[in-house]
């Protein structure tokens, strides 16, 4: 089986739950095709550098996938039919990177640095 990194951009009009439901649908398609999804990262709603199909923002998701090429071709066929999907990119890789992506790792570092807000800190502001 082949290893892939698969990124999906969906319309800004859909909710985060709908974007994650699309991720679950993609995962089910891959598993039906005899593959497996090692990692799914939802990056959230992010600004686009330029408009894509009249959208200024998009929901981003990244997946690490181990599946046969036929299963990935079926996923891409289904994504081309879906009106909520703006773009997708599938890259074949030598090995899967199961660590946090740089985007989510930076969010974690910032969250650890600031720490949780306490009621005393919020009251003094």
PDB file of N, CA and C in Angstrom:
ATOM      1  N   UNK A   1       0.835  -1.186   0.000  1.00  0.00           N
ATOM      2  CA  UNK A   1       0.000   0.000   0.000  1.00  0.00           C
ATOM      3  C   UNK A   1       0.876   1.245   0.000  1.00  0.00           C
ATOM      4  N   UNK A   2       0.300   2.329  -0.456  1.00  0.00           N
ATOM      5  CA  UNK A   2       1.027   3.589  -0.567  1.00  0.00           C
ATOM      6  C   UNK A   2       0.712   4.492   0.623  1.00  0.00           C
ATOM      7  N   UNK A   3       1.647   5.381   0.920  1.00  0.00           N
ATOM      8  CA  UNK A   3       1.482   6.338   2.010  1.00  0.00           C
ATOM      9  C   UNK A   3       1.240   7.716   1.410  1.00  0.00           C
ATOM     10  N   UNK A   4       0.262   8.436   1.969  1.00  0.00           N
ATOM     11  CA  UNK A   4      -0.122   9.740   1.441  1.00  0.00           C
ATOM     12  C   UNK A   4      -0.293  10.753   2.566  1.00  0.00           C
ATOM     13  N   UNK A   5      -0.065  12.028   2.229  1.00  0.00           N
ATOM     14  CA  UNK A   5      -0.531  13.152   3.040  1.00  0.00           C
ATOM     15  C   UNK A   5      -1.606  13.818   2.203  1.00  0.00           C
ATOM     16  N   UNK A   6      -2.778  13.991   2.805  1.00  0.00           N
ATOM     17  CA  UNK A   6      -3.939  14.494   2.073  1.00  0.00           C
ATOM     18  C   UNK A   6      -4.472  15.724   2.800  1.00  0.00           C
ATOM     19  N   UNK A   7      -4.532  16.857   2.099  1.00  0.00           N
ATOM     20  CA  UNK A   7      -5.027  18.107   2.671  1.00  0.00           C
ATOM     21  C   UNK A   7      -6.296  18.511   1.936  1.00  0.00           C
ATOM     22  N   UNK A   8      -7.297  18.962   2.713  1.00  0.00           N
ATOM     23  CA  UNK A   8      -8.584  19.361   2.143  1.00  0.00           C
ATOM     24  C   UNK A   8      -8.925  20.761   2.620  1.00  0.00           C
ATOM     25  N   UNK A   9      -9.393  21.607   1.690  1.00  0.00           N
ATOM     26  CA  UNK A   9      -9.905  22.936   2.021  1.00  0.00           C
ATOM     27  C   UNK A   9     -11.397  22.942   1.709  1.00  0.00           C
ATOM     28  N   UNK A  10     -12.222  23.330   2.702  1.00  0.00           N
ATOM     29  CA  UNK A  10     -13.663  23.380   2.495  1.00  0.00           C
ATOM     30  C   UNK A  10     -14.169  24.803   2.655  1.00  0.00           C
ATOM     31  N   UNK A  11     -15.358  25.072   2.153  1.00  0.00           N
ATOM     32  CA  UNK A  11     -15.941  26.411   2.155  1.00  0.00           C
ATOM     33  C   UNK A  11     -16.060  26.979   3.562  1.00  0.00           C
ATOM     34  N   UNK A  12     -15.996  28.303   3.648  1.00  0.00           N
ATOM     35  CA  UNK A  12     -16.106  28.990   4.931  1.00  0.00           C
ATOM     36  C   UNK A  12     -17.531  28.966   5.464  1.00  0.00           C
ATOM     37  N   UNK A  13     -18.524  28.722   4.606  1.00  0.00           N
ATOM     38  CA  UNK A  13     -19.924  28.753   5.004  1.00  0.00           C
ATOM     39  C   UNK A  13     -20.331  27.567   5.866  1.00  0.00           C
ATOM     40  N   UNK A  14     -19.611  26.464   5.770  1.00  0.00           N
ATOM     41  CA  UNK A  14     -19.997  25.292   6.558  1.00  0.00           C
ATOM     42  C   UNK A  14     -19.435  25.427   7.972  1.00  0.00           C
ATOM     43  N   UNK A  15     -20.024  24.684   8.893  1.00  0.00           N
ATOM     44  CA  UNK A  15     -19.566  24.744  10.277  1.00  0.00           C
ATOM     45  C   UNK A  15     -18.360  23.820  10.477  1.00  0.00           C
ATOM     46  N   UNK A  16     -17.718  23.972  11.616  1.00  0.00           N
ATOM     47  CA  UNK A  16     -16.574  23.108  11.938  1.00  0.00           C
ATOM     48  C   UNK A  16     -17.025  21.655  12.057  1.00  0.00           C
ATOM     49  N   UNK A  17     -18.233  21.440  12.567  1.00  0.00           N
ATOM     50  CA  UNK A  17     -18.754  20.076  12.692  1.00  0.00           C
ATOM     51  C   UNK A  17     -18.971  19.444  11.321  1.00  0.00           C
ATOM     52  N   UNK A  18     -19.436  20.237  10.358  1.00  0.00           N
ATOM     53  CA  UNK A  18     -19.617  19.712   9.009  1.00  0.00           C
ATOM     54  C   UNK A  18     -18.277  19.398   8.354  1.00  0.00           C
ATOM     55  N   UNK A  19     -17.269  20.221   8.616  1.00  0.00           N
ATOM     56  CA  UNK A  19     -15.932  19.955   8.075  1.00  0.00           C
ATOM     57  C   UNK A  19     -15.364  18.672   8.664  1.00  0.00           C
ATOM     58  N   UNK A  20     -15.569  18.458   9.965  1.00  0.00           N
ATOM     59  CA  UNK A  20     -15.085  17.229  10.591  1.00  0.00           C
ATOM     60  C   UNK A  20     -15.904  16.021  10.144  1.00  0.00           C
ATOM     61  N   UNK A  21     -17.185  16.222   9.831  1.00  0.00           N
ATOM     62  CA  UNK A  21     -17.995  15.133   9.288  1.00  0.00           C
ATOM     63  C   UNK A  21     -17.479  14.720   7.915  1.00  0.00           C
ATOM     64  N   UNK A  22     -17.025  15.692   7.133  1.00  0.00           N
ATOM     65  CA  UNK A  22     -16.420  15.380   5.842  1.00  0.00           C
ATOM     66  C   UNK A  22     -15.147  14.552   6.041  1.00  0.00           C
ATOM     67  N   UNK A  23     -14.362  14.892   7.066  1.00  0.00           N
ATOM     68  CA  UNK A  23     -13.166  14.099   7.384  1.00  0.00           C
ATOM     69  C   UNK A  23     -13.549  12.660   7.715  1.00  0.00           C
ATOM     70  N   UNK A  24     -14.634  12.482   8.464  1.00  0.00           N
ATOM     71  CA  UNK A  24     -15.094  11.133   8.803  1.00  0.00           C
ATOM     72  C   UNK A  24     -15.547  10.377   7.558  1.00  0.00           C
ATOM     73  N   UNK A  25     -16.180  11.091   6.628  1.00  0.00           N
ATOM     74  CA  UNK A  25     -16.612  10.472   5.375  1.00  0.00           C
ATOM     75  C   UNK A  25     -15.400  10.016   4.565  1.00  0.00           C
ATOM     76  N   UNK A  26     -14.380  10.858   4.505  1.00  0.00           N
ATOM     77  CA  UNK A  26     -13.151  10.491   3.785  1.00  0.00           C
ATOM     78  C   UNK A  26     -12.505   9.279   4.440  1.00  0.00           C
ATOM     79  N   UNK A  27     -12.467   9.279   5.765  1.00  0.00           N
ATOM     80  CA  UNK A  27     -11.889   8.139   6.497  1.00  0.00           C
ATOM     81  C   UNK A  27     -12.658   6.855   6.187  1.00  0.00           C
ATOM     82  N   UNK A  28     -13.979   6.931   6.149  1.00  0.00           N
ATOM     83  CA  UNK A  28     -14.787   5.746   5.839  1.00  0.00           C
ATOM     84  C   UNK A  28     -14.515   5.246   4.423  1.00  0.00           C
ATOM     85  N   UNK A  29     -14.372   6.165   3.457  1.00  0.00           N
ATOM     86  CA  UNK A  29     -14.058   5.765   2.084  1.00  0.00           C
ATOM     87  C   UNK A  29     -12.718   5.051   2.002  1.00  0.00           C
ATOM     88  N   UNK A  30     -11.740   5.551   2.733  1.00  0.00           N
ATOM     89  CA  UNK A  30     -10.407   4.944   2.725  1.00  0.00           C
ATOM     90  C   UNK A  30     -10.450   3.560   3.349  1.00  0.00           C
ATOM     91  N   UNK A  31     -11.180   3.433   4.459  1.00  0.00           N
ATOM     92  CA  UNK A  31     -11.271   2.133   5.124  1.00  0.00           C
ATOM     93  C   UNK A  31     -12.041   1.122   4.285  1.00  0.00           C
ATOM     94  N   UNK A  32     -13.059   1.582   3.533  1.00  0.00           N
ATOM     95  CA  UNK A  32     -13.775   0.690   2.615  1.00  0.00           C
ATOM     96  C   UNK A  32     -12.859   0.195   1.510  1.00  0.00           C
ATOM     97  N   UNK A  33     -11.900   1.024   1.107  1.00  0.00           N
ATOM     98  CA  UNK A  33     -10.958   0.661   0.055  1.00  0.00           C
ATOM     99  C   UNK A  33      -9.798  -0.180   0.549  1.00  0.00           C
ATOM    100  N   UNK A  34      -9.792  -0.528   1.830  1.00  0.00           N
ATOM    101  CA  UNK A  34      -8.745  -1.385   2.370  1.00  0.00           C
ATOM    102  C   UNK A  34      -7.572  -0.640   2.979  1.00  0.00           C
ATOM    103  N   UNK A  35      -7.727   0.647   3.241  1.00  0.00           N
ATOM    104  CA  UNK A  35      -6.642   1.436   3.822  1.00  0.00           C
ATOM    105  C   UNK A  35      -6.928   1.842   5.257  1.00  0.00           C
ATOM    106  N   UNK A  36      -6.074   2.704   5.779  1.00  0.00           N
ATOM    107  CA  UNK A  36      -6.262   3.205   7.140  1.00  0.00           C
ATOM    108  C   UNK A  36      -5.775   4.653   7.211  1.00  0.00           C
ATOM    109  N   UNK A  37      -6.376   5.396   8.140  1.00  0.00           N
ATOM    110  CA  UNK A  37      -5.992   6.777   8.373  1.00  0.00           C
ATOM    111  C   UNK A  37      -5.234   6.819   9.691  1.00  0.00           C
ATOM    112  N   UNK A  38      -3.961   7.212   9.638  1.00  0.00           N
ATOM    113  CA  UNK A  38      -3.121   7.220  10.839  1.00  0.00           C
ATOM    114  C   UNK A  38      -3.323   8.485  11.663  1.00  0.00           C
ATOM    115  N   UNK A  39      -3.663   9.597  10.999  1.00  0.00           N
ATOM    116  CA  UNK A  39      -3.779  10.870  11.711  1.00  0.00           C
ATOM    117  C   UNK A  39      -4.726  11.777  10.955  1.00  0.00           C
ATOM    118  N   UNK A  40      -5.575  12.497  11.709  1.00  0.00           N
ATOM    119  CA  UNK A  40      -6.418  13.552  11.141  1.00  0.00           C
ATOM    120  C   UNK A  40      -6.214  14.793  11.992  1.00  0.00           C
ATOM    121  N   UNK A  41      -5.825  15.888  11.357  1.00  0.00           N
ATOM    122  CA  UNK A  41      -5.676  17.172  12.050  1.00  0.00           C
ATOM    123  C   UNK A  41      -6.632  18.169  11.424  1.00  0.00           C
ATOM    124  N   UNK A  42      -7.495  18.754  12.234  1.00  0.00           N
ATOM    125  CA  UNK A  42      -8.379  19.824  11.772  1.00  0.00           C
ATOM    126  C   UNK A  42      -7.716  21.130  12.172  1.00  0.00           C
ATOM    127  N   UNK A  43      -7.337  21.950  11.193  1.00  0.00           N
ATOM    128  CA  UNK A  43      -6.611  23.191  11.457  1.00  0.00           C
ATOM    129  C   UNK A  43      -7.532  24.369  11.693  1.00  0.00           C
ATOM    130  N   UNK A  44      -8.807  24.224  11.393  1.00  0.00           N
ATOM    131  CA  UNK A  44      -9.751  25.298  11.642  1.00  0.00           C
ATOM    132  C   UNK A  44      -9.947  26.202  10.439  1.00  0.00           C
ATOM    133  N   UNK A  45     -10.657  27.300  10.679  1.00  0.00           N
ATOM    134  CA  UNK A  45     -10.950  28.279   9.641  1.00  0.00           C
ATOM    135  C   UNK A  45      -9.778  29.242   9.531  1.00  0.00           C
ATOM    136  N   UNK A  46      -9.189  29.305   8.335  1.00  0.00           N
ATOM    137  CA  UNK A  46      -7.990  30.124   8.122  1.00  0.00           C
ATOM    138  C   UNK A  46      -8.197  31.039   6.925  1.00  0.00           C
ATOM    139  N   UNK A  47      -7.512  32.178   6.940  1.00  0.00           N
ATOM    140  CA  UNK A  47      -7.567  33.123   5.823  1.00  0.00           C
ATOM    141  C   UNK A  47      -6.834  32.551   4.621  1.00  0.00           C
ATOM    142  N   UNK A  48      -7.360  32.844   3.435  1.00  0.00           N
ATOM    143  CA  UNK A  48      -6.701  32.460   2.197  1.00  0.00           C
ATOM    144  C   UNK A  48      -5.902  33.644   1.664  1.00  0.00           C
ATOM    145  N   UNK A  49      -4.822  33.377   0.982  1.00  0.00           N
ATOM    146  CA  UNK A  49      -4.010  34.432   0.393  1.00  0.00           C
ATOM    147  C   UNK A  49      -4.772  35.144  -0.719  1.00  0.00           C
ATOM    148  N   UNK A  50      -5.534  34.404  -1.474  1.00  0.00           N
ATOM    149  CA  UNK A  50      -6.355  34.973  -2.538  1.00  0.00           C
ATOM    150  C   UNK A  50      -7.682  34.225  -2.561  1.00  0.00           C
ATOM    151  N   UNK A  51      -8.682  34.813  -3.189  1.00  0.00           N
ATOM    152  CA  UNK A  51      -9.997  34.194  -3.236  1.00  0.00           C
ATOM    153  C   UNK A  51      -9.970  32.905  -4.033  1.00  0.00           C
ATOM    154  N   UNK A  52     -10.673  31.914  -3.522  1.00  0.00           N
ATOM    155  CA  UNK A  52     -10.848  30.649  -4.217  1.00  0.00           C
ATOM    156  C   UNK A  52     -12.346  30.407  -4.300  1.00  0.00           C
ATOM    157  N   UNK A  53     -12.881  30.405  -5.495  1.00  0.00           N
ATOM    158  CA  UNK A  53     -14.318  30.225  -5.716  1.00  0.00           C
ATOM    159  C   UNK A  53     -15.131  31.182  -4.844  1.00  0.00           C
ATOM    160  N   UNK A  54     -14.725  32.444  -4.822  1.00  0.00           N
ATOM    161  CA  UNK A  54     -15.388  33.538  -4.097  1.00  0.00           C
ATOM    162  C   UNK A  54     -15.315  33.402  -2.570  1.00  0.00           C
ATOM    163  N   UNK A  55     -14.393  32.622  -2.045  1.00  0.00           N
ATOM    164  CA  UNK A  55     -14.214  32.455  -0.600  1.00  0.00           C
ATOM    165  C   UNK A  55     -12.914  33.108  -0.164  1.00  0.00           C
ATOM    166  N   UNK A  56     -12.964  33.831   0.953  1.00  0.00           N
ATOM    167  CA  UNK A  56     -11.768  34.455   1.519  1.00  0.00           C
ATOM    168  C   UNK A  56     -11.154  33.610   2.631  1.00  0.00           C
ATOM    169  N   UNK A  57     -11.908  32.656   3.154  1.00  0.00           N
ATOM    170  CA  UNK A  57     -11.441  31.775   4.220  1.00  0.00           C
ATOM    171  C   UNK A  57     -11.804  30.346   3.856  1.00  0.00           C
ATOM    172  N   UNK A  58     -11.161  29.392   4.545  1.00  0.00           N
ATOM    173  CA  UNK A  58     -11.465  27.981   4.314  1.00  0.00           C
ATOM    174  C   UNK A  58     -11.146  27.173   5.561  1.00  0.00           C
ATOM    175  N   UNK A  59     -11.859  26.070   5.728  1.00  0.00           N
ATOM    176  CA  UNK A  59     -11.556  25.098   6.778  1.00  0.00           C
ATOM    177  C   UNK A  59     -10.491  24.150   6.215  1.00  0.00           C
ATOM    178  N   UNK A  60      -9.409  23.967   6.955  1.00  0.00           N
ATOM    179  CA  UNK A  60      -8.317  23.099   6.520  1.00  0.00           C
ATOM    180  C   UNK A  60      -8.278  21.823   7.351  1.00  0.00           C
ATOM    181  N   UNK A  61      -7.966  20.701   6.702  1.00  0.00           N
ATOM    182  CA  UNK A  61      -7.757  19.425   7.374  1.00  0.00           C
ATOM    183  C   UNK A  61      -6.586  18.716   6.728  1.00  0.00           C
ATOM    184  N   UNK A  62      -5.785  18.043   7.549  1.00  0.00           N
ATOM    185  CA  UNK A  62      -4.637  17.269   7.079  1.00  0.00           C
ATOM    186  C   UNK A  62      -4.796  15.837   7.547  1.00  0.00           C
ATOM    187  N   UNK A  63      -4.535  14.884   6.653  1.00  0.00           N
ATOM    188  CA  UNK A  63      -4.641  13.462   6.986  1.00  0.00           C
ATOM    189  C   UNK A  63      -3.373  12.730   6.585  1.00  0.00           C
ATOM    190  N   UNK A  64      -2.967  11.790   7.410  1.00  0.00           N
ATOM    191  CA  UNK A  64      -1.886  10.864   7.076  1.00  0.00           C
ATOM    192  C   UNK A  64      -2.554   9.530   6.776  1.00  0.00           C
ATOM    193  N   UNK A  65      -2.372   9.039   5.545  1.00  0.00           N
ATOM    194  CA  UNK A  65      -3.156   7.911   5.041  1.00  0.00           C
ATOM    195  C   UNK A  65      -2.242   6.805   4.526  1.00  0.00           C
ATOM    196  N   UNK A  66      -2.636   5.560   4.802  1.00  0.00           N
ATOM    197  CA  UNK A  66      -1.986   4.377   4.249  1.00  0.00           C
ATOM    198  C   UNK A  66      -3.063   3.587   3.524  1.00  0.00           C
ATOM    199  N   UNK A  67      -3.056   3.637   2.185  1.00  0.00           N
ATOM    200  CA  UNK A  67      -4.120   2.973   1.428  1.00  0.00           C
ATOM    201  C   UNK A  67      -3.642   2.635   0.024  1.00  0.00           C
ATOM    202  N   UNK A  68      -4.379   1.761  -0.670  1.00  0.00           N
ATOM    203  CA  UNK A  68      -4.058   1.481  -2.063  1.00  0.00           C
ATOM    204  C   UNK A  68      -4.380   2.692  -2.948  1.00  0.00           C
ATOM    205  N   UNK A  69      -3.704   2.841  -4.070  1.00  0.00           N
ATOM    206  CA  UNK A  69      -3.970   3.975  -4.963  1.00  0.00           C
ATOM    207  C   UNK A  69      -5.415   4.051  -5.443  1.00  0.00           C
ATOM    208  N   UNK A  70      -6.075   2.919  -5.601  1.00  0.00           N
ATOM    209  CA  UNK A  70      -7.467   2.926  -6.061  1.00  0.00           C
ATOM    210  C   UNK A  70      -8.381   3.582  -5.028  1.00  0.00           C
ATOM    211  N   UNK A  71      -8.110   3.367  -3.749  1.00  0.00           N
ATOM    212  CA  UNK A  71      -8.923   3.978  -2.688  1.00  0.00           C
ATOM    213  C   UNK A  71      -8.735   5.500  -2.689  1.00  0.00           C
ATOM    214  N   UNK A  72      -7.508   5.958  -2.885  1.00  0.00           N
ATOM    215  CA  UNK A  72      -7.265   7.405  -2.910  1.00  0.00           C
ATOM    216  C   UNK A  72      -7.890   8.030  -4.153  1.00  0.00           C
ATOM    217  N   UNK A  73      -7.894   7.310  -5.267  1.00  0.00           N
ATOM    218  CA  UNK A  73      -8.547   7.813  -6.479  1.00  0.00           C
ATOM    219  C   UNK A  73     -10.051   7.964  -6.247  1.00  0.00           C
ATOM    220  N   UNK A  74     -10.654   7.045  -5.516  1.00  0.00           N
ATOM    221  CA  UNK A  74     -12.079   7.144  -5.201  1.00  0.00           C
ATOM    222  C   UNK A  74     -12.357   8.325  -4.279  1.00  0.00           C
ATOM    223  N   UNK A  75     -11.483   8.565  -3.305  1.00  0.00           N
ATOM    224  CA  UNK A  75     -11.637   9.722  -2.414  1.00  0.00           C
ATOM    225  C   UNK A  75     -11.585  11.002  -3.236  1.00  0.00           C
ATOM    226  N   UNK A  76     -10.624  11.125  -4.127  1.00  0.00           N
ATOM    227  CA  UNK A  76     -10.503  12.328  -4.949  1.00  0.00           C
ATOM    228  C   UNK A  76     -11.700  12.492  -5.880  1.00  0.00           C
ATOM    229  N   UNK A  77     -12.248  11.389  -6.383  1.00  0.00           N
ATOM    230  CA  UNK A  77     -13.441  11.467  -7.225  1.00  0.00           C
ATOM    231  C   UNK A  77     -14.625  12.001  -6.422  1.00  0.00           C
ATOM    232  N   UNK A  78     -14.782  11.499  -5.194  1.00  0.00           N
ATOM    233  CA  UNK A  78     -15.870  11.962  -4.338  1.00  0.00           C
ATOM    234  C   UNK A  78     -15.697  13.441  -3.973  1.00  0.00           C
ATOM    235  N   UNK A  79     -14.462  13.870  -3.720  1.00  0.00           N
ATOM    236  CA  UNK A  79     -14.210  15.273  -3.380  1.00  0.00           C
ATOM    237  C   UNK A  79     -14.507  16.196  -4.554  1.00  0.00           C
ATOM    238  N   UNK A  80     -14.264  15.731  -5.777  1.00  0.00           N
ATOM    239  CA  UNK A  80     -14.536  16.569  -6.940  1.00  0.00           C
ATOM    240  C   UNK A  80     -16.040  16.777  -7.137  1.00  0.00           C
ATOM    241  N   UNK A  81     -16.857  15.869  -6.619  1.00  0.00           N
ATOM    242  CA  UNK A  81     -18.308  15.983  -6.721  1.00  0.00           C
ATOM    243  C   UNK A  81     -18.867  16.896  -5.628  1.00  0.00           C
ATOM    244  N   UNK A  82     -18.237  16.902  -4.460  1.00  0.00           N
ATOM    245  CA  UNK A  82     -18.732  17.623  -3.288  1.00  0.00           C
ATOM    246  C   UNK A  82     -18.622  19.136  -3.493  1.00  0.00           C
ATOM    247  N   UNK A  83     -19.725  19.847  -3.338  1.00  0.00           N
ATOM    248  CA  UNK A  83     -19.738  21.294  -3.541  1.00  0.00           C
ATOM    249  C   UNK A  83     -19.080  22.064  -2.408  1.00  0.00           C
ATOM    250  N   UNK A  84     -18.950  21.452  -1.242  1.00  0.00           N
ATOM    251  CA  UNK A  84     -18.338  22.132  -0.099  1.00  0.00           C
ATOM    252  C   UNK A  84     -16.819  22.166  -0.176  1.00  0.00           C
ATOM    253  N   UNK A  85     -16.222  21.336  -1.009  1.00  0.00           N
ATOM    254  CA  UNK A  85     -14.764  21.238  -1.103  1.00  0.00           C
ATOM    255  C   UNK A  85     -14.262  22.256  -2.121  1.00  0.00           C
ATOM    256  N   UNK A  86     -13.341  23.120  -1.670  1.00  0.00           N
ATOM    257  CA  UNK A  86     -12.730  24.104  -2.571  1.00  0.00           C
ATOM    258  C   UNK A  86     -11.548  23.503  -3.314  1.00  0.00           C
ATOM    259  N   UNK A  87     -10.630  22.933  -2.566  1.00  0.00           N
ATOM    260  CA  UNK A  87      -9.412  22.344  -3.126  1.00  0.00           C
ATOM    261  C   UNK A  87      -8.990  21.154  -2.261  1.00  0.00           C
ATOM    262  N   UNK A  88      -8.173  20.281  -2.861  1.00  0.00           N
ATOM    263  CA  UNK A  88      -7.518  19.229  -2.100  1.00  0.00           C
ATOM    264  C   UNK A  88      -6.180  18.963  -2.741  1.00  0.00           C
ATOM    265  N   UNK A  89      -5.282  18.406  -1.953  1.00  0.00           N
ATOM    266  CA  UNK A  89      -3.948  18.073  -2.443  1.00  0.00           C
ATOM    267  C   UNK A  89      -3.543  16.749  -1.807  1.00  0.00           C
ATOM    268  N   UNK A  90      -3.165  15.802  -2.624  1.00  0.00           N
ATOM    269  CA  UNK A  90      -2.716  14.501  -2.155  1.00  0.00           C
ATOM    270  C   UNK A  90      -1.274  14.318  -2.601  1.00  0.00           C
ATOM    271  N   UNK A  91      -0.398  14.041  -1.647  1.00  0.00           N
ATOM    272  CA  UNK A  91       1.022  13.857  -1.939  1.00  0.00           C
ATOM    273  C   UNK A  91       1.432  12.475  -1.454  1.00  0.00           C
ATOM    274  N   UNK A  92       2.098  11.731  -2.307  1.00  0.00           N
ATOM    275  CA  UNK A  92       2.621  10.422  -1.917  1.00  0.00           C
ATOM    276  C   UNK A  92       3.948  10.641  -1.201  1.00  0.00           C
ATOM    277  N   UNK A  93       4.110  10.022  -0.031  1.00  0.00           N
ATOM    278  CA  UNK A  93       5.306  10.211   0.784  1.00  0.00           C
ATOM    279  C   UNK A  93       5.974   8.866   1.051  1.00  0.00           C
ATOM    280  N   UNK A  94       7.234   8.934   1.459  1.00  0.00           N
ATOM    281  CA  UNK A  94       7.990   7.720   1.767  1.00  0.00           C
ATOM    282  C   UNK A  94       7.600   7.137   3.128  1.00  0.00           C
ATOM    283  N   UNK A  95       7.348   8.036   4.097  1.00  0.00           N
ATOM    284  CA  UNK A  95       6.904   7.581   5.425  1.00  0.00           C
ATOM    285  C   UNK A  95       5.961   8.621   6.004  1.00  0.00           C
ATOM    286  N   UNK A  96       5.061   8.156   6.872  1.00  0.00           N
ATOM    287  CA  UNK A  96       4.072   9.053   7.463  1.00  0.00           C
ATOM    288  C   UNK A  96       4.679   9.815   8.627  1.00  0.00           C
ATOM    289  N   UNK A  97       4.377  11.099   8.707  1.00  0.00           N
ATOM    290  CA  UNK A  97       4.808  11.941   9.814  1.00  0.00           C
ATOM    291  C   UNK A  97       3.642  12.017  10.798  1.00  0.00           C
ATOM    292  N   UNK A  98       3.756  11.313  11.927  1.00  0.00           N
ATOM    293  CA  UNK A  98       2.660  11.237  12.884  1.00  0.00           C
ATOM    294  C   UNK A  98       2.769  12.268  13.996  1.00  0.00           C
ATOM    295  N   UNK A  99       3.777  13.135  13.936  1.00  0.00           N
ATOM    296  CA  UNK A  99       3.894  14.208  14.922  1.00  0.00           C
ATOM    297  C   UNK A  99       2.911  15.315  14.574  1.00  0.00           C
ATOM    298  N   UNK A 100       2.726  16.236  15.514  1.00  0.00           N
ATOM    299  CA  UNK A 100       1.871  17.388  15.247  1.00  0.00           C
ATOM    300  C   UNK A 100       2.468  18.218  14.116  1.00  0.00           C
ATOM    301  N   UNK A 101       1.617  18.766  13.283  1.00  0.00           N
ATOM    302  CA  UNK A 101       2.092  19.642  12.222  1.00  0.00           C
ATOM    303  C   UNK A 101       2.646  20.918  12.856  1.00  0.00           C
ATOM    304  N   UNK A 102       3.496  21.650  12.146  1.00  0.00           N
ATOM    305  CA  UNK A 102       4.052  22.890  12.713  1.00  0.00           C
ATOM    306  C   UNK A 102       2.980  23.882  13.161  1.00  0.00           C
ATOM    307  N   UNK A 103       1.875  23.927  12.452  1.00  0.00           N
ATOM    308  CA  UNK A 103       0.786  24.842  12.808  1.00  0.00           C
ATOM    309  C   UNK A 103       0.207  24.498  14.182  1.00  0.00           C
ATOM    310  N   UNK A 104      -0.130  23.241  14.401  1.00  0.00           N
ATOM    311  CA  UNK A 104      -0.706  22.841  15.686  1.00  0.00           C
ATOM    312  C   UNK A 104       0.342  22.831  16.792  1.00  0.00           C
ATOM    313  N   UNK A 105       1.592  22.533  16.456  1.00  0.00           N
ATOM    314  CA  UNK A 105       2.653  22.547  17.465  1.00  0.00           C
ATOM    315  C   UNK A 105       2.854  23.971  17.987  1.00  0.00           C
ATOM    316  N   UNK A 106       2.772  24.969  17.097  1.00  0.00           N
ATOM    317  CA  UNK A 106       2.908  26.358  17.522  1.00  0.00           C
ATOM    318  C   UNK A 106       1.756  26.752  18.435  1.00  0.00           C
ATOM    319  N   UNK A 107       0.542  26.320  18.103  1.00  0.00           N
ATOM    320  CA  UNK A 107      -0.612  26.605  18.963  1.00  0.00           C
ATOM    321  C   UNK A 107      -0.422  26.004  20.351  1.00  0.00           C
ATOM    322  N   UNK A 108       0.094  24.782  20.399  1.00  0.00           N
ATOM    323  CA  UNK A 108       0.338  24.122  21.691  1.00  0.00           C
ATOM    324  C   UNK A 108       1.382  24.886  22.505  1.00  0.00           C
ATOM    325  N   UNK A 109       2.470  25.322  21.846  1.00  0.00           N
ATOM    326  CA  UNK A 109       3.511  26.074  22.558  1.00  0.00           C
ATOM    327  C   UNK A 109       2.943  27.374  23.109  1.00  0.00           C
ATOM    328  N   UNK A 110       2.139  28.071  22.302  1.00  0.00           N
ATOM    329  CA  UNK A 110       1.554  29.325  22.770  1.00  0.00           C
ATOM    330  C   UNK A 110       0.597  29.085  23.927  1.00  0.00           C
ATOM    331  N   UNK A 111      -0.165  28.014  23.871  1.00  0.00           N
ATOM    332  CA  UNK A 111      -1.093  27.692  24.948  1.00  0.00           C
ATOM    333  C   UNK A 111      -0.330  27.346  26.233  1.00  0.00           C
ATOM    334  N   UNK A 112       0.778  26.603  26.098  1.00  0.00           N
ATOM    335  CA  UNK A 112       1.584  26.250  27.272  1.00  0.00           C
ATOM    336  C   UNK A 112       2.264  27.473  27.860  1.00  0.00           C
ATOM    337  N   UNK A 113       2.706  28.396  27.004  1.00  0.00           N
ATOM    338  CA  UNK A 113       3.409  29.586  27.458  1.00  0.00           C
ATOM    339  C   UNK A 113       2.478  30.505  28.246  1.00  0.00           C
ATOM    340  N   UNK A 114       1.284  30.720  27.731  1.00  0.00           N
ATOM    341  CA  UNK A 114       0.357  31.620  28.414  1.00  0.00           C
ATOM    342  C   UNK A 114      -0.292  30.951  29.609  1.00  0.00           C
ATOM    343  N   UNK A 115      -0.499  29.661  29.530  1.00  0.00           N
ATOM    344  CA  UNK A 115      -1.110  28.934  30.636  1.00  0.00           C
ATOM    345  C   UNK A 115      -2.589  29.229  30.735  1.00  0.00           C
ATOM    346  N   UNK A 116      -3.282  28.444  31.527  1.00  0.00           N
ATOM    347  CA  UNK A 116      -4.718  28.687  31.683  1.00  0.00           C
ATOM    348  C   UNK A 116      -4.962  29.941  32.510  1.00  0.00           C
ATOM    349  N   UNK A 117      -6.012  30.669  32.149  1.00  0.00           N
ATOM    350  CA  UNK A 117      -6.352  31.880  32.883  1.00  0.00           C
ATOM    351  C   UNK A 117      -7.038  31.495  34.185  1.00  0.00           C
ATOM    352  N   UNK A 118      -6.643  32.136  35.245  1.00  0.00           N
ATOM    353  CA  UNK A 118      -7.309  31.925  36.527  1.00  0.00           C
ATOM    354  C   UNK A 118      -8.285  33.051  36.771  1.00  0.00           C
ATOM    355  N   UNK A 119      -9.162  32.854  37.718  1.00  0.00           N
ATOM    356  CA  UNK A 119     -10.160  33.883  38.016  1.00  0.00           C
ATOM    357  C   UNK A 119      -9.511  35.138  38.572  1.00  0.00           C
ATOM    358  N   UNK A 120      -8.380  34.997  39.309  1.00  0.00           N
ATOM    359  CA  UNK A 120      -7.681  36.158  39.862  1.00  0.00           C
ATOM    360  C   UNK A 120      -7.108  37.033  38.758  1.00  0.00           C
ATOM    361  N   UNK A 121      -6.533  36.401  37.732  1.00  0.00           N
ATOM    362  CA  UNK A 121      -5.941  37.160  36.620  1.00  0.00           C
ATOM    363  C   UNK A 121      -7.029  37.856  35.826  1.00  0.00           C
ATOM    364  N   UNK A 122      -8.155  37.184  35.640  1.00  0.00           N
ATOM    365  CA  UNK A 122      -9.247  37.779  34.889  1.00  0.00           C
ATOM    366  C   UNK A 122      -9.901  38.927  35.671  1.00  0.00           C
ATOM    367  N   UNK A 123      -9.939  38.810  37.005  1.00  0.00           N
ATOM    368  CA  UNK A 123     -10.561  39.846  37.831  1.00  0.00           C
ATOM    369  C   UNK A 123      -9.698  41.110  37.896  1.00  0.00           C
ATOM    370  N   UNK A 124      -8.375  40.953  37.827  1.00  0.00           N
ATOM    371  CA  UNK A 124      -7.492  42.113  37.927  1.00  0.00           C
ATOM    372  C   UNK A 124      -7.470  42.932  36.647  1.00  0.00           C
ATOM    373  N   UNK A 125      -7.913  42.339  35.508  1.00  0.00           N
ATOM    374  CA  UNK A 125      -7.890  43.056  34.225  1.00  0.00           C
ATOM    375  C   UNK A 125      -9.071  43.927  34.035  1.00  0.00           C
TER     376      UNK A 125
END
